[in-house]
Amino acid sequence: MRHLKAGRRLNRNSSHRTALFRNLAMALIRHERIITTVAKAKEVRSFIEKLVTLAKQNTLHSRRLVLARLGPPSKAAVIPRESVDDDAKADERHVIVKLFTEIAPRYAERQGGYTRVLKRHERRLGDAGHTALLEFVEAGSGKRMKKAKPSAPAPVIAPIHAPTPAPVVAPEASAPATPPVGEQTPPAAS
């Protein structure tokens, strides 16, 4: 029984899991959208949301806490000069600086729920694992407002039936189509 053992182990020991969470968080801060397995995406989501909540405070203490959680790689560049051909596309800011200056202010008015996990239908090559897209939500998108249910229609009260007048039959102006009972018409000559 796994009582009081929250979280997924992901077949890793604790130090390997911590390194995995740090790497996925760094990749998400860099690219703002990553593809990973569903289990990893769901597990790293809480790790990242706690980092963004700390970054929203924007104090020295919160910076040091984020730095401790992300570890030494947080000093890495967002887009290193070596990884791009054009130096103009390089972003030499540290990842932690991008988190505090760009990502956290985006969610200043939002109370949690900074990331979303979208399941993909494509399986991972090799082991056919279920994959998901982990991304930051848009800044302006709040919780969806539920459509207002239409109010129940007013109850229909059956009208009090007044006696209806009998239909008026108009007198026929033409001769009847069938002859009266005692008369017979001669057969048509052919």
N, C-alpha and C. Protein backbone atom coordinates (compact mmCIF):
# COMPACT_ATOMS: atom_id res chain seq x y z
N MET A 1 0.84 -1.18 0.00
CA MET A 1 0.00 0.00 0.00
C MET A 1 0.88 1.24 0.00
N ARG A 2 0.48 2.22 -0.82
CA ARG A 2 1.26 3.46 -0.93
C ARG A 2 0.56 4.61 -0.23
N HIS A 3 0.14 4.41 0.97
CA HIS A 3 -0.53 5.47 1.70
C HIS A 3 0.46 6.59 2.02
N LEU A 4 0.01 7.81 1.86
CA LEU A 4 0.79 9.02 2.16
C LEU A 4 2.06 9.12 1.33
N LYS A 5 2.08 8.53 0.16
CA LYS A 5 3.24 8.64 -0.73
C LYS A 5 2.78 9.31 -2.01
N ALA A 6 2.69 10.62 -1.94
CA ALA A 6 2.17 11.38 -3.07
C ALA A 6 3.23 11.54 -4.14
N GLY A 7 2.80 11.72 -5.36
CA GLY A 7 3.71 11.98 -6.46
C GLY A 7 4.12 10.70 -7.18
N ARG A 8 4.53 10.89 -8.41
CA ARG A 8 4.97 9.75 -9.22
C ARG A 8 6.47 9.57 -9.06
N ARG A 9 6.91 8.33 -9.02
CA ARG A 9 8.35 8.07 -8.89
C ARG A 9 9.04 8.13 -10.24
N LEU A 10 8.31 7.85 -11.32
CA LEU A 10 8.84 7.90 -12.69
C LEU A 10 10.06 6.99 -12.87
N ASN A 11 10.14 5.92 -12.10
CA ASN A 11 11.24 4.95 -12.18
C ASN A 11 12.61 5.60 -12.01
N ARG A 12 12.70 6.56 -11.13
CA ARG A 12 13.95 7.26 -10.87
C ARG A 12 14.12 7.42 -9.37
N ASN A 13 15.37 7.54 -8.93
CA ASN A 13 15.58 7.86 -7.53
C ASN A 13 15.39 9.35 -7.32
N SER A 14 15.45 9.82 -6.09
CA SER A 14 15.05 11.20 -5.81
C SER A 14 15.96 12.23 -6.48
N SER A 15 17.26 11.98 -6.52
CA SER A 15 18.16 12.96 -7.13
C SER A 15 17.96 13.01 -8.65
N HIS A 16 17.70 11.85 -9.23
CA HIS A 16 17.43 11.82 -10.68
C HIS A 16 16.12 12.52 -11.00
N ARG A 17 15.12 12.33 -10.14
CA ARG A 17 13.83 13.00 -10.33
C ARG A 17 13.98 14.51 -10.23
N THR A 18 14.75 14.97 -9.25
CA THR A 18 14.98 16.40 -9.08
C THR A 18 15.67 16.98 -10.30
N ALA A 19 16.66 16.27 -10.82
CA ALA A 19 17.35 16.73 -12.02
C ALA A 19 16.40 16.77 -13.21
N LEU A 20 15.52 15.78 -13.31
CA LEU A 20 14.53 15.76 -14.39
C LEU A 20 13.61 16.96 -14.30
N PHE A 21 13.11 17.26 -13.10
CA PHE A 21 12.21 18.39 -12.92
C PHE A 21 12.92 19.71 -13.26
N ARG A 22 14.18 19.83 -12.83
CA ARG A 22 14.94 21.04 -13.14
C ARG A 22 15.11 21.21 -14.65
N ASN A 23 15.46 20.13 -15.33
CA ASN A 23 15.68 20.21 -16.77
C ASN A 23 14.40 20.53 -17.52
N LEU A 24 13.29 19.90 -17.13
CA LEU A 24 12.03 20.19 -17.79
C LEU A 24 11.57 21.62 -17.51
N ALA A 25 11.79 22.09 -16.28
CA ALA A 25 11.41 23.46 -15.94
C ALA A 25 12.24 24.46 -16.73
N MET A 26 13.53 24.19 -16.86
CA MET A 26 14.40 25.09 -17.63
C MET A 26 13.97 25.11 -19.10
N ALA A 27 13.65 23.95 -19.64
CA ALA A 27 13.22 23.89 -21.04
C ALA A 27 11.90 24.64 -21.23
N LEU A 28 10.99 24.51 -20.28
CA LEU A 28 9.72 25.21 -20.40
C LEU A 28 9.90 26.72 -20.28
N ILE A 29 10.77 27.17 -19.41
CA ILE A 29 11.01 28.60 -19.28
C ILE A 29 11.67 29.13 -20.55
N ARG A 30 12.57 28.36 -21.13
CA ARG A 30 13.23 28.79 -22.35
C ARG A 30 12.26 28.87 -23.53
N HIS A 31 11.53 27.79 -23.77
CA HIS A 31 10.74 27.67 -24.99
C HIS A 31 9.25 27.97 -24.79
N GLU A 32 8.79 27.95 -23.54
CA GLU A 32 7.41 28.20 -23.16
C GLU A 32 6.43 27.15 -23.68
N ARG A 33 6.94 26.09 -24.29
CA ARG A 33 6.11 24.97 -24.74
C ARG A 33 7.06 23.80 -25.01
N ILE A 34 6.80 22.66 -24.36
CA ILE A 34 7.64 21.49 -24.57
C ILE A 34 6.77 20.26 -24.77
N ILE A 35 7.36 19.24 -25.37
CA ILE A 35 6.67 17.96 -25.54
C ILE A 35 7.38 16.94 -24.67
N THR A 36 6.62 16.25 -23.85
CA THR A 36 7.17 15.23 -22.96
C THR A 36 6.09 14.17 -22.75
N THR A 37 6.35 13.21 -21.89
CA THR A 37 5.32 12.20 -21.63
C THR A 37 4.25 12.78 -20.72
N VAL A 38 3.10 12.16 -20.73
CA VAL A 38 1.97 12.66 -19.95
C VAL A 38 2.29 12.64 -18.45
N ALA A 39 2.88 11.56 -17.97
CA ALA A 39 3.18 11.44 -16.54
C ALA A 39 4.19 12.50 -16.11
N LYS A 40 5.23 12.72 -16.91
CA LYS A 40 6.22 13.74 -16.56
C LYS A 40 5.61 15.13 -16.59
N ALA A 41 4.77 15.38 -17.58
CA ALA A 41 4.14 16.70 -17.70
C ALA A 41 3.25 16.98 -16.50
N LYS A 42 2.48 15.99 -16.09
CA LYS A 42 1.59 16.20 -14.94
C LYS A 42 2.37 16.39 -13.65
N GLU A 43 3.49 15.71 -13.54
CA GLU A 43 4.27 15.79 -12.31
C GLU A 43 5.08 17.08 -12.23
N VAL A 44 5.65 17.51 -13.35
CA VAL A 44 6.49 18.71 -13.32
C VAL A 44 5.64 19.98 -13.28
N ARG A 45 4.36 19.86 -13.58
CA ARG A 45 3.48 21.03 -13.58
C ARG A 45 3.46 21.71 -12.21
N SER A 46 3.36 20.94 -11.13
CA SER A 46 3.32 21.56 -9.80
C SER A 46 4.67 22.19 -9.45
N PHE A 47 5.76 21.57 -9.89
CA PHE A 47 7.09 22.12 -9.64
C PHE A 47 7.23 23.50 -10.30
N ILE A 48 6.77 23.60 -11.53
CA ILE A 48 6.89 24.86 -12.28
C ILE A 48 5.96 25.92 -11.71
N GLU A 49 4.76 25.53 -11.33
CA GLU A 49 3.81 26.52 -10.83
C GLU A 49 4.29 27.11 -9.51
N LYS A 50 4.96 26.32 -8.71
CA LYS A 50 5.53 26.85 -7.47
C LYS A 50 6.65 27.85 -7.76
N LEU A 51 7.44 27.59 -8.82
CA LEU A 51 8.49 28.53 -9.21
C LEU A 51 7.89 29.86 -9.67
N VAL A 52 6.83 29.79 -10.47
CA VAL A 52 6.20 31.02 -10.96
C VAL A 52 5.59 31.80 -9.81
N THR A 53 4.99 31.11 -8.85
CA THR A 53 4.41 31.78 -7.69
C THR A 53 5.49 32.49 -6.88
N LEU A 54 6.64 31.84 -6.72
CA LEU A 54 7.76 32.50 -6.04
C LEU A 54 8.25 33.70 -6.85
N ALA A 55 8.32 33.56 -8.16
CA ALA A 55 8.82 34.64 -9.00
C ALA A 55 7.88 35.84 -9.00
N LYS A 56 6.60 35.61 -8.76
CA LYS A 56 5.66 36.73 -8.72
C LYS A 56 5.93 37.64 -7.52
N GLN A 57 6.52 37.11 -6.44
CA GLN A 57 6.82 37.94 -5.27
C GLN A 57 7.93 38.93 -5.58
N ASN A 58 8.89 38.53 -6.41
CA ASN A 58 9.98 39.38 -6.89
C ASN A 58 10.76 40.03 -5.75
N THR A 59 11.15 39.22 -4.78
CA THR A 59 12.00 39.70 -3.69
C THR A 59 13.34 38.97 -3.76
N LEU A 60 14.29 39.45 -3.02
CA LEU A 60 15.60 38.80 -2.99
C LEU A 60 15.47 37.38 -2.46
N HIS A 61 14.64 37.22 -1.42
CA HIS A 61 14.45 35.89 -0.84
C HIS A 61 13.83 34.93 -1.86
N SER A 62 12.84 35.40 -2.61
CA SER A 62 12.20 34.51 -3.61
C SER A 62 13.18 34.18 -4.73
N ARG A 63 14.04 35.13 -5.11
CA ARG A 63 15.05 34.84 -6.13
C ARG A 63 16.01 33.74 -5.64
N ARG A 64 16.39 33.82 -4.40
CA ARG A 64 17.31 32.81 -3.87
C ARG A 64 16.63 31.45 -3.75
N LEU A 65 15.35 31.45 -3.41
CA LEU A 65 14.62 30.18 -3.36
C LEU A 65 14.49 29.55 -4.74
N VAL A 66 14.17 30.36 -5.75
CA VAL A 66 14.06 29.84 -7.11
C VAL A 66 15.42 29.34 -7.59
N LEU A 67 16.47 30.09 -7.28
CA LEU A 67 17.82 29.67 -7.66
C LEU A 67 18.18 28.34 -6.99
N ALA A 68 17.78 28.15 -5.74
CA ALA A 68 18.07 26.90 -5.04
C ALA A 68 17.28 25.74 -5.66
N ARG A 69 16.04 26.01 -6.08
CA ARG A 69 15.23 24.93 -6.65
C ARG A 69 15.67 24.56 -8.06
N LEU A 70 16.09 25.56 -8.84
CA LEU A 70 16.54 25.27 -10.21
C LEU A 70 17.99 24.82 -10.25
N GLY A 71 18.77 25.18 -9.26
CA GLY A 71 20.16 24.74 -9.20
C GLY A 71 21.07 25.58 -10.09
N PRO A 72 22.34 25.20 -10.20
CA PRO A 72 23.32 25.96 -10.97
C PRO A 72 22.96 26.15 -12.45
N PRO A 73 22.26 25.22 -13.09
CA PRO A 73 21.95 25.46 -14.52
C PRO A 73 21.05 26.66 -14.77
N SER A 74 20.46 27.24 -13.72
CA SER A 74 19.58 28.39 -13.94
C SER A 74 20.35 29.62 -14.40
N LYS A 75 21.66 29.57 -14.30
CA LYS A 75 22.49 30.66 -14.80
C LYS A 75 22.74 30.53 -16.30
N ALA A 76 22.19 29.50 -16.92
CA ALA A 76 22.39 29.29 -18.36
C ALA A 76 21.64 30.34 -19.15
N ALA A 77 22.09 30.57 -20.37
CA ALA A 77 21.44 31.54 -21.24
C ALA A 77 20.13 30.97 -21.77
N VAL A 78 19.22 31.86 -22.09
CA VAL A 78 17.93 31.41 -22.62
C VAL A 78 18.16 30.77 -23.99
N ILE A 79 18.79 31.49 -24.90
CA ILE A 79 19.18 30.93 -26.19
C ILE A 79 20.68 31.20 -26.35
N PRO A 80 21.53 30.21 -26.07
CA PRO A 80 22.97 30.45 -26.11
C PRO A 80 23.44 30.81 -27.53
N ARG A 81 24.51 31.55 -27.58
CA ARG A 81 25.07 31.99 -28.84
C ARG A 81 25.54 30.80 -29.69
N GLU A 82 25.97 29.73 -29.04
CA GLU A 82 26.49 28.57 -29.78
C GLU A 82 25.37 27.81 -30.50
N SER A 83 24.14 27.93 -30.03
CA SER A 83 23.07 27.12 -30.59
C SER A 83 22.40 27.76 -31.80
N VAL A 84 22.70 29.02 -32.10
CA VAL A 84 22.09 29.68 -33.26
C VAL A 84 23.17 30.16 -34.20
N ASP A 85 22.81 30.26 -35.47
CA ASP A 85 23.77 30.73 -36.47
C ASP A 85 23.90 32.25 -36.43
N ASP A 86 22.78 32.93 -36.23
CA ASP A 86 22.77 34.38 -36.24
C ASP A 86 22.88 34.89 -34.80
N ASP A 87 23.87 35.75 -34.54
CA ASP A 87 24.06 36.28 -33.19
C ASP A 87 22.90 37.17 -32.77
N ALA A 88 22.14 37.71 -33.72
CA ALA A 88 21.02 38.58 -33.37
C ALA A 88 19.90 37.78 -32.71
N LYS A 89 19.81 36.49 -33.03
CA LYS A 89 18.76 35.66 -32.45
C LYS A 89 19.13 35.12 -31.07
N ALA A 90 20.37 35.27 -30.67
CA ALA A 90 20.82 34.77 -29.38
C ALA A 90 20.22 35.62 -28.26
N ASP A 91 19.84 34.97 -27.19
CA ASP A 91 19.29 35.65 -26.01
C ASP A 91 20.18 35.27 -24.84
N GLU A 92 21.05 36.18 -24.45
CA GLU A 92 22.04 35.89 -23.44
C GLU A 92 21.53 36.05 -22.01
N ARG A 93 20.24 36.38 -21.84
CA ARG A 93 19.70 36.50 -20.49
C ARG A 93 19.75 35.14 -19.80
N HIS A 94 19.90 35.17 -18.49
CA HIS A 94 19.81 33.94 -17.73
C HIS A 94 18.35 33.49 -17.70
N VAL A 95 18.15 32.21 -17.55
CA VAL A 95 16.79 31.66 -17.51
C VAL A 95 16.03 32.23 -16.31
N ILE A 96 16.71 32.39 -15.19
CA ILE A 96 16.04 32.91 -14.00
C ILE A 96 15.62 34.37 -14.21
N VAL A 97 16.38 35.12 -15.00
CA VAL A 97 16.02 36.50 -15.30
C VAL A 97 14.77 36.54 -16.16
N LYS A 98 14.69 35.63 -17.13
CA LYS A 98 13.49 35.57 -17.97
C LYS A 98 12.27 35.21 -17.13
N LEU A 99 12.44 34.30 -16.17
CA LEU A 99 11.33 33.91 -15.32
C LEU A 99 10.82 35.10 -14.51
N PHE A 100 11.72 35.91 -13.97
CA PHE A 100 11.31 37.02 -13.11
C PHE A 100 10.86 38.25 -13.90
N THR A 101 11.43 38.49 -15.08
CA THR A 101 11.10 39.72 -15.81
C THR A 101 10.02 39.54 -16.87
N GLU A 102 9.86 38.35 -17.38
CA GLU A 102 8.92 38.16 -18.48
C GLU A 102 7.74 37.27 -18.11
N ILE A 103 8.00 36.14 -17.50
CA ILE A 103 6.93 35.16 -17.25
C ILE A 103 6.11 35.52 -16.03
N ALA A 104 6.75 35.84 -14.90
CA ALA A 104 6.00 36.12 -13.67
C ALA A 104 5.11 37.36 -13.79
N PRO A 105 5.55 38.47 -14.39
CA PRO A 105 4.64 39.62 -14.51
C PRO A 105 3.42 39.32 -15.39
N ARG A 106 3.56 38.38 -16.28
CA ARG A 106 2.44 38.00 -17.15
C ARG A 106 1.27 37.45 -16.33
N TYR A 107 1.58 36.81 -15.20
CA TYR A 107 0.54 36.17 -14.39
C TYR A 107 0.34 36.90 -13.06
N ALA A 108 0.56 38.19 -13.03
CA ALA A 108 0.45 38.94 -11.78
C ALA A 108 -0.96 38.87 -11.20
N GLU A 109 -1.97 38.85 -12.04
CA GLU A 109 -3.35 38.84 -11.55
C GLU A 109 -3.94 37.43 -11.47
N ARG A 110 -3.18 36.44 -11.86
CA ARG A 110 -3.72 35.08 -11.91
C ARG A 110 -3.34 34.32 -10.64
N GLN A 111 -4.29 33.61 -10.07
CA GLN A 111 -4.06 32.87 -8.83
C GLN A 111 -3.80 31.39 -9.13
N GLY A 112 -2.67 31.08 -9.69
CA GLY A 112 -2.33 29.69 -9.99
C GLY A 112 -2.85 29.27 -11.34
N GLY A 113 -2.51 28.05 -11.73
CA GLY A 113 -2.94 27.53 -13.02
C GLY A 113 -2.20 28.19 -14.16
N TYR A 114 -0.87 28.27 -14.07
CA TYR A 114 -0.07 28.95 -15.08
C TYR A 114 0.26 28.05 -16.25
N THR A 115 0.15 26.74 -16.07
CA THR A 115 0.51 25.80 -17.14
C THR A 115 -0.69 24.96 -17.51
N ARG A 116 -0.59 24.36 -18.68
CA ARG A 116 -1.64 23.45 -19.14
C ARG A 116 -0.98 22.25 -19.78
N VAL A 117 -1.61 21.10 -19.63
CA VAL A 117 -1.13 19.85 -20.23
C VAL A 117 -2.16 19.43 -21.27
N LEU A 118 -1.71 19.36 -22.52
CA LEU A 118 -2.58 18.93 -23.61
C LEU A 118 -2.08 17.58 -24.11
N LYS A 119 -2.92 16.58 -24.05
CA LYS A 119 -2.50 15.26 -24.50
C LYS A 119 -2.44 15.23 -26.03
N ARG A 120 -1.38 14.57 -26.53
CA ARG A 120 -1.21 14.44 -27.98
C ARG A 120 -1.58 13.02 -28.38
N HIS A 121 -1.97 12.88 -29.63
CA HIS A 121 -2.33 11.56 -30.12
C HIS A 121 -1.12 10.81 -30.65
N GLU A 122 -0.03 11.54 -30.94
CA GLU A 122 1.16 10.88 -31.44
C GLU A 122 1.89 10.21 -30.28
N ARG A 123 2.31 9.00 -30.51
CA ARG A 123 3.06 8.26 -29.50
C ARG A 123 4.55 8.55 -29.67
N ARG A 124 5.30 8.32 -28.60
CA ARG A 124 6.74 8.52 -28.65
C ARG A 124 7.39 7.36 -29.38
N LEU A 125 8.38 7.66 -30.20
CA LEU A 125 9.10 6.60 -30.90
C LEU A 125 9.91 5.81 -29.90
N GLY A 126 10.04 4.55 -30.13
CA GLY A 126 10.85 3.71 -29.26
C GLY A 126 10.00 2.89 -28.32
N ASP A 127 9.27 3.55 -27.42
CA ASP A 127 8.46 2.79 -26.48
C ASP A 127 6.97 3.08 -26.60
N ALA A 128 6.61 3.90 -27.57
CA ALA A 128 5.21 4.23 -27.84
C ALA A 128 4.52 4.81 -26.60
N GLY A 129 5.26 5.62 -25.83
CA GLY A 129 4.68 6.25 -24.65
C GLY A 129 3.72 7.36 -25.04
N HIS A 130 2.74 7.60 -24.20
CA HIS A 130 1.79 8.68 -24.43
C HIS A 130 2.50 10.01 -24.25
N THR A 131 2.34 10.93 -25.19
CA THR A 131 3.01 12.21 -25.10
C THR A 131 2.01 13.33 -24.84
N ALA A 132 2.53 14.43 -24.31
CA ALA A 132 1.68 15.59 -24.01
C ALA A 132 2.47 16.85 -24.30
N LEU A 133 1.72 17.91 -24.49
CA LEU A 133 2.30 19.23 -24.71
C LEU A 133 2.13 20.00 -23.41
N LEU A 134 3.23 20.46 -22.83
CA LEU A 134 3.19 21.24 -21.60
C LEU A 134 3.52 22.67 -21.99
N GLU A 135 2.64 23.61 -21.65
CA GLU A 135 2.85 24.99 -22.06
C GLU A 135 2.30 25.94 -21.01
N PHE A 136 2.80 27.18 -21.08
CA PHE A 136 2.24 28.24 -20.26
C PHE A 136 0.94 28.70 -20.91
N VAL A 137 -0.04 29.02 -20.09
CA VAL A 137 -1.30 29.53 -20.64
C VAL A 137 -1.11 30.98 -21.06
N GLU A 138 -2.02 31.47 -21.88
CA GLU A 138 -1.93 32.85 -22.33
C GLU A 138 -2.17 33.78 -21.14
N ALA A 139 -1.59 34.95 -21.22
CA ALA A 139 -1.66 35.87 -20.09
C ALA A 139 -3.07 36.35 -19.82
N GLY A 140 -3.81 36.69 -20.85
CA GLY A 140 -5.12 37.28 -20.65
C GLY A 140 -6.23 36.29 -20.41
N SER A 141 -5.95 35.02 -20.66
CA SER A 141 -7.04 34.06 -20.57
C SER A 141 -7.28 33.69 -19.11
N GLY A 142 -8.44 34.04 -18.64
CA GLY A 142 -8.82 33.68 -17.28
C GLY A 142 -9.61 32.39 -17.35
N LYS A 143 -10.29 32.11 -16.28
CA LYS A 143 -11.13 30.93 -16.30
C LYS A 143 -12.29 31.19 -17.23
N ARG A 144 -12.67 30.16 -17.93
CA ARG A 144 -13.77 30.32 -18.86
C ARG A 144 -15.06 30.55 -18.10
N MET A 145 -15.81 31.48 -18.61
CA MET A 145 -17.10 31.74 -18.01
C MET A 145 -18.09 30.73 -18.56
N LYS A 146 -18.84 30.13 -17.69
CA LYS A 146 -19.84 29.18 -18.13
C LYS A 146 -20.98 29.93 -18.79
N LYS A 147 -21.51 29.33 -19.81
CA LYS A 147 -22.65 29.95 -20.47
C LYS A 147 -23.82 29.96 -19.50
N ALA A 148 -24.51 31.07 -19.51
CA ALA A 148 -25.67 31.16 -18.64
C ALA A 148 -26.76 30.26 -19.19
N LYS A 149 -27.23 29.40 -18.34
CA LYS A 149 -28.29 28.51 -18.78
C LYS A 149 -29.55 29.33 -19.00
N PRO A 150 -30.25 29.05 -20.06
CA PRO A 150 -31.47 29.82 -20.28
C PRO A 150 -32.45 29.54 -19.15
N SER A 151 -33.10 30.60 -18.73
CA SER A 151 -34.04 30.42 -17.64
C SER A 151 -35.19 29.55 -18.11
N ALA A 152 -35.79 28.88 -17.19
CA ALA A 152 -36.89 27.98 -17.54
C ALA A 152 -38.03 28.81 -18.13
N PRO A 153 -38.63 28.31 -19.16
CA PRO A 153 -39.73 29.07 -19.75
C PRO A 153 -40.87 29.20 -18.74
N ALA A 154 -41.63 30.26 -18.93
CA ALA A 154 -42.76 30.49 -18.02
C ALA A 154 -43.73 29.34 -18.16
N PRO A 155 -44.30 28.90 -17.06
CA PRO A 155 -45.24 27.79 -17.15
C PRO A 155 -46.45 28.18 -17.99
N VAL A 156 -46.86 27.26 -18.81
CA VAL A 156 -48.00 27.50 -19.68
C VAL A 156 -49.25 27.08 -18.93
N ILE A 157 -50.12 28.03 -18.73
CA ILE A 157 -51.38 27.75 -18.05
C ILE A 157 -52.42 27.49 -19.13
N ALA A 158 -53.07 26.37 -19.01
CA ALA A 158 -54.08 26.03 -20.01
C ALA A 158 -55.22 27.03 -19.93
N PRO A 159 -55.59 27.58 -21.09
CA PRO A 159 -56.68 28.56 -21.06
C PRO A 159 -58.00 27.89 -20.71
N ILE A 160 -58.87 28.64 -20.11
CA ILE A 160 -60.19 28.13 -19.79
C ILE A 160 -60.95 28.03 -21.09
N HIS A 161 -61.42 26.84 -21.38
CA HIS A 161 -62.08 26.63 -22.66
C HIS A 161 -63.51 27.16 -22.60
N ALA A 162 -63.80 28.06 -23.48
CA ALA A 162 -65.17 28.54 -23.64
C ALA A 162 -65.83 27.65 -24.68
N PRO A 163 -67.11 27.49 -24.62
CA PRO A 163 -67.75 26.65 -25.64
C PRO A 163 -67.51 27.26 -27.01
N THR A 164 -67.04 26.40 -27.89
CA THR A 164 -66.75 26.89 -29.24
C THR A 164 -68.01 26.82 -30.08
N PRO A 165 -68.23 27.80 -30.91
CA PRO A 165 -69.42 27.76 -31.76
C PRO A 165 -69.28 26.67 -32.80
N ALA A 166 -70.41 26.13 -33.20
CA ALA A 166 -70.41 25.08 -34.23
C ALA A 166 -70.00 25.70 -35.55
N PRO A 167 -69.28 24.94 -36.38
CA PRO A 167 -68.86 25.51 -37.67
C PRO A 167 -70.09 25.79 -38.54
N VAL A 168 -70.02 26.86 -39.27
CA VAL A 168 -71.10 27.25 -40.17
C VAL A 168 -70.91 26.54 -41.48
N VAL A 169 -71.96 25.84 -41.91
CA VAL A 169 -71.89 25.11 -43.17
C VAL A 169 -72.52 26.00 -44.24
N ALA A 170 -71.82 26.22 -45.29
CA ALA A 170 -72.34 27.06 -46.37
C ALA A 170 -73.27 26.22 -47.25
N PRO A 171 -74.39 26.79 -47.69
CA PRO A 171 -75.29 26.03 -48.58
C PRO A 171 -74.60 25.77 -49.90
N GLU A 172 -74.87 24.59 -50.42
CA GLU A 172 -74.24 24.21 -51.69
C GLU A 172 -74.98 24.86 -52.82
N ALA A 173 -74.27 25.42 -53.76
CA ALA A 173 -74.88 26.12 -54.88
C ALA A 173 -75.03 25.20 -56.08
N SER A 174 -74.26 24.18 -56.19
CA SER A 174 -74.32 23.32 -57.37
C SER A 174 -75.17 22.10 -57.07
N ALA A 175 -75.48 21.37 -58.12
CA ALA A 175 -76.31 20.17 -58.00
C ALA A 175 -75.52 19.11 -57.28
N PRO A 176 -76.24 18.21 -56.58
CA PRO A 176 -75.51 17.15 -55.89
C PRO A 176 -74.81 16.24 -56.88
N ALA A 177 -73.71 15.65 -56.47
CA ALA A 177 -72.91 14.80 -57.34
C ALA A 177 -73.59 13.46 -57.54
N THR A 178 -74.34 12.99 -56.58
CA THR A 178 -75.04 11.71 -56.73
C THR A 178 -76.54 11.99 -56.84
N PRO A 179 -77.22 11.25 -57.68
CA PRO A 179 -78.66 11.50 -57.83
C PRO A 179 -79.41 11.01 -56.61
N PRO A 180 -80.60 11.52 -56.40
CA PRO A 180 -81.38 11.04 -55.28
C PRO A 180 -81.67 9.57 -55.41
N VAL A 181 -82.13 8.97 -54.34
CA VAL A 181 -82.23 7.52 -54.26
C VAL A 181 -83.24 6.96 -55.27
N GLY A 182 -84.28 7.45 -55.55
CA GLY A 182 -85.25 6.84 -56.44
C GLY A 182 -84.93 7.02 -57.91
N GLU A 183 -84.09 7.89 -58.27
CA GLU A 183 -83.83 8.19 -59.67
C GLU A 183 -82.59 7.46 -60.14
N GLN A 184 -82.62 7.01 -61.37
CA GLN A 184 -81.45 6.41 -61.97
C GLN A 184 -81.13 7.16 -63.24
N THR A 185 -79.89 7.24 -63.53
CA THR A 185 -79.49 7.93 -64.77
C THR A 185 -79.33 6.88 -65.85
N PRO A 186 -79.73 7.24 -67.06
CA PRO A 186 -79.56 6.27 -68.14
C PRO A 186 -78.09 6.03 -68.42
N PRO A 187 -77.78 4.80 -68.83
CA PRO A 187 -76.39 4.52 -69.16
C PRO A 187 -75.95 5.33 -70.38
N ALA A 188 -74.70 5.65 -70.37
CA ALA A 188 -74.15 6.45 -71.48
C ALA A 188 -74.06 5.60 -72.71
N ALA A 189 -74.48 6.13 -73.85
CA ALA A 189 -74.41 5.38 -75.11
C ALA A 189 -73.03 5.49 -75.67
N SER A 190 -72.57 4.35 -76.13
CA SER A 190 -71.26 4.40 -76.72
C SER A 190 -71.30 4.03 -78.16
